[in-house]
C-alpha atoms as a PDB file:
ATOM      1  CA  MET A   1      57.423 -63.304 141.907  1.00  0.00           C
ATOM      2  CA  SER A   2      59.414 -66.490 142.391  1.00  0.00           C
ATOM      3  CA  CYS A   3      62.865 -64.880 142.650  1.00  0.00           C
ATOM      4  CA  ARG A   4      64.354 -63.803 145.974  1.00  0.00           C
ATOM      5  CA  TRP A   5      63.505 -60.378 147.434  1.00  0.00           C
ATOM      6  CA  ARG A   6      65.624 -57.475 146.146  1.00  0.00           C
ATOM      7  CA  TRP A   7      64.665 -53.919 146.994  1.00  0.00           C
ATOM      8  CA  GLY A   8      63.720 -51.943 143.890  1.00  0.00           C
ATOM      9  CA  VAL A   9      63.987 -54.987 141.635  1.00  0.00           C
ATOM     10  CA  ALA A  10      61.990 -57.849 143.138  1.00  0.00           C
ATOM     11  CA  ASP A  11      60.166 -56.447 146.162  1.00  0.00           C
ATOM     12  CA  CYS A  12      56.403 -56.395 146.743  1.00  0.00           C
ATOM     13  CA  CYS A  13      55.873 -53.316 144.574  1.00  0.00           C
ATOM     14  CA  ALA A  14      58.270 -54.078 141.723  1.00  0.00           C
ATOM     15  CA  SER A  15      57.069 -57.684 141.468  1.00  0.00           C
ATOM     16  CA  ALA A  16      53.375 -56.765 141.383  1.00  0.00           C
ATOM     17  CA  CYS A  17      54.079 -54.130 138.726  1.00  0.00           C
ATOM     18  CA  ASP A  18      56.100 -56.646 136.701  1.00  0.00           C
ATOM     19  CA  VAL A  19      53.104 -58.998 136.698  1.00  0.00           C
ATOM     20  CA  PHE A  20      50.701 -56.168 135.831  1.00  0.00           C
ATOM     21  CA  GLU A  21      52.973 -55.132 132.954  1.00  0.00           C
ATOM     22  CA  ALA A  22      53.109 -58.717 131.671  1.00  0.00           C
ATOM     23  CA  TRP A  23      49.297 -58.831 131.690  1.00  0.00           C
ATOM     24  CA  HIS A  24      48.569 -55.363 130.281  1.00  0.00           C
ATOM     25  CA  GLY A  25      51.764 -53.861 128.851  1.00  0.00           C
ATOM     26  CA  ILE A  26      51.652 -51.042 131.436  1.00  0.00           C
ATOM     27  CA  ASP A  27      54.261 -50.584 134.178  1.00  0.00           C
ATOM     28  CA  PRO A  28      52.679 -48.419 136.899  1.00  0.00           C
ATOM     29  CA  MET A  29      56.038 -48.248 138.675  1.00  0.00           C
ATOM     30  CA  ARG A  30      58.037 -46.904 135.736  1.00  0.00           C
ATOM     31  CA  PRO A  31      58.680 -43.486 137.411  1.00  0.00           C
ATOM     32  CA  LEU A  32      60.267 -45.213 140.427  1.00  0.00           C
ATOM     33  CA  ARG A  33      62.437 -47.793 138.674  1.00  0.00           C
ATOM     34  CA  GLY A  34      66.048 -47.352 139.724  1.00  0.00           C
ATOM     35  CA  ARG A  35      65.229 -44.755 142.408  1.00  0.00           C
ATOM     36  CA  TYR A  36      65.689 -46.999 145.455  1.00  0.00           C
ATOM     37  CA  SER A  37      67.715 -50.039 146.429  1.00  0.00           C
ATOM     38  CA  GLY A  38      66.966 -50.473 150.110  1.00  0.00           C
ATOM     39  CA  PRO A  39      64.271 -50.147 152.739  1.00  0.00           C
ATOM     40  CA  VAL A  40      65.306 -46.663 153.898  1.00  0.00           C
ATOM     41  CA  GLN A  41      65.121 -45.239 150.366  1.00  0.00           C
ATOM     42  CA  ALA A  42      61.794 -46.981 149.753  1.00  0.00           C
ATOM     43  CA  ALA A  43      60.384 -45.620 153.018  1.00  0.00           C
ATOM     44  CA  GLN A  44      61.511 -42.102 152.086  1.00  0.00           C
ATOM     45  CA  ILE A  45      59.704 -42.267 148.747  1.00  0.00           C
ATOM     46  CA  ILE A  46      56.545 -43.627 150.372  1.00  0.00           C
ATOM     47  CA  THR A  47      56.627 -41.054 153.190  1.00  0.00           C
ATOM     48  CA  GLU A  48      57.252 -38.128 150.841  1.00  0.00           C
ATOM     49  CA  ALA A  49      54.266 -39.243 148.745  1.00  0.00           C
ATOM     50  CA  GLY A  50      51.972 -39.325 151.796  1.00  0.00           C
ATOM     51  CA  GLY A  51      51.807 -43.103 152.259  1.00  0.00           C
ATOM     52  CA  MET A  52      51.608 -46.190 150.094  1.00  0.00           C
ATOM     53  CA  ALA A  53      47.967 -45.753 149.069  1.00  0.00           C
ATOM     54  CA  THR A  54      48.618 -42.153 147.990  1.00  0.00           C
ATOM     55  CA  LEU A  55      51.798 -43.119 146.138  1.00  0.00           C
ATOM     56  CA  ALA A  56      50.041 -46.009 144.400  1.00  0.00           C
ATOM     57  CA  ALA A  57      47.124 -43.769 143.404  1.00  0.00           C
ATOM     58  CA  SER A  58      49.521 -41.226 141.925  1.00  0.00           C
ATOM     59  CA  LEU A  59      51.417 -43.891 139.973  1.00  0.00           C
ATOM     60  CA  ALA A  60      48.142 -45.436 138.772  1.00  0.00           C
ATOM     61  CA  ALA A  61      46.925 -42.042 137.542  1.00  0.00           C
ATOM     62  CA  GLN A  62      50.220 -41.381 135.753  1.00  0.00           C
ATOM     63  CA  ALA A  63      49.911 -44.794 134.061  1.00  0.00           C
ATOM     64  CA  GLY A  64      46.335 -44.039 132.963  1.00  0.00           C
ATOM     65  CA  LEU A  65      44.741 -46.720 135.139  1.00  0.00           C
ATOM     66  CA  ARG A  66      41.114 -46.570 136.245  1.00  0.00           C
ATOM     67  CA  PRO A  67      39.664 -47.339 139.674  1.00  0.00           C
ATOM     68  CA  GLY A  68      39.343 -51.062 140.185  1.00  0.00           C
ATOM     69  CA  ILE A  69      36.320 -53.174 140.964  1.00  0.00           C
ATOM     70  CA  GLY A  70      38.159 -56.142 142.485  1.00  0.00           C
ATOM     71  CA  GLY A  71      38.366 -58.018 139.209  1.00  0.00           C
ATOM     72  CA  ALA A  72      40.972 -60.283 137.700  1.00  0.00           C
ATOM     73  CA  GLY A  73      43.987 -58.487 136.281  1.00  0.00           C
ATOM     74  CA  GLU A  74      43.904 -55.588 138.713  1.00  0.00           C
ATOM     75  CA  ILE A  75      46.667 -54.208 140.927  1.00  0.00           C
ATOM     76  CA  GLY A  76      45.932 -53.058 144.456  1.00  0.00           C
ATOM     77  CA  VAL A  77      47.260 -52.063 147.866  1.00  0.00           C
ATOM     78  CA  ARG A  78      47.140 -54.416 150.830  1.00  0.00           C
ATOM     79  CA  ASP A  79      48.936 -53.740 154.133  1.00  0.00           C
ATOM     80  CA  GLY A  80      51.339 -51.258 152.527  1.00  0.00           C
ATOM     81  CA  CYS A  81      52.276 -53.535 149.630  1.00  0.00           C
ATOM     82  CA  LEU A  82      51.187 -53.860 146.037  1.00  0.00           C
ATOM     83  CA  VAL A  83      49.383 -57.054 145.082  1.00  0.00           C
ATOM     84  CA  VAL A  84      47.793 -58.384 141.887  1.00  0.00           C
ATOM     85  CA  ALA A  85      44.532 -60.242 141.259  1.00  0.00           C
ATOM     86  CA  PRO A  86      44.759 -63.336 139.071  1.00  0.00           C
ATOM     87  CA  ALA A  87      41.058 -63.952 139.804  1.00  0.00           C
ATOM     88  CA  PRO A  88      38.244 -61.934 141.414  1.00  0.00           C
ATOM     89  CA  GLY A  89      38.688 -61.775 145.184  1.00  0.00           C
ATOM     90  CA  GLU A  90      42.155 -63.355 145.117  1.00  0.00           C
ATOM     91  CA  TRP A  91      45.161 -61.077 145.600  1.00  0.00           C
ATOM     92  CA  TRP A  92      48.744 -62.311 145.322  1.00  0.00           C
ATOM     93  CA  GLY A  93      51.778 -60.511 146.655  1.00  0.00           C
ATOM     94  CA  LYS A  94      55.476 -60.999 147.199  1.00  0.00           C
ATOM     95  CA  THR A  95      56.755 -60.995 150.770  1.00  0.00           C
ATOM     96  CA  ILE A  96      60.283 -60.949 152.131  1.00  0.00           C
ATOM     97  CA  SER A  97      59.902 -64.598 153.074  1.00  0.00           C
ATOM     98  CA  GLY A  98      57.943 -65.733 150.002  1.00  0.00           C
ATOM     99  CA  PHE A  99      54.413 -65.162 148.796  1.00  0.00           C
ATOM    100  CA  SER A 100      51.006 -64.214 150.193  1.00  0.00           C
ATOM    101  CA  ILE A 101      47.462 -64.838 149.041  1.00  0.00           C
ATOM    102  CA  ASN A 102      44.795 -62.449 150.301  1.00  0.00           C
ATOM    103  CA  ARG A 103      41.044 -62.071 149.846  1.00  0.00           C
ATOM    104  CA  ASP A 104      40.740 -58.277 149.792  1.00  0.00           C
ATOM    105  CA  VAL A 105      42.586 -55.004 149.231  1.00  0.00           C
ATOM    106  CA  GLU A 106      42.255 -51.427 150.414  1.00  0.00           C
ATOM    107  CA  VAL A 107      42.061 -50.008 146.884  1.00  0.00           C
ATOM    108  CA  SER A 108      42.715 -51.276 143.357  1.00  0.00           C
ATOM    109  CA  TRP A 109      43.119 -50.142 139.749  1.00  0.00           C
ATOM    110  CA  ARG A 110      42.590 -51.682 136.329  1.00  0.00           C
ATOM    111  CA  ALA A 111      43.968 -51.092 132.863  1.00  0.00           C
END
């Protein structure tokens, strides 16, 4: 998450999935790798899927993830971005300008 923002490589979704893969050996974003390189392409994918939460749920299901409980090691959706939980109730995410720490998510999944 410390490298500069690059759509499709080091954006909020790719970075969170990279962390999740490092923790669990599962890349929830595998089906989307290499499919977008800018905000317009990303928005098209998200829109066609029915929104970020729907897209994330589909990717989580494809990866064999289970519904989360807000625990450490989970991946979730917050404000249209993917975030990861290094500890219960603490969600980290990459932003265009850096990094965010949040206390809750809309939905999450676990390995």
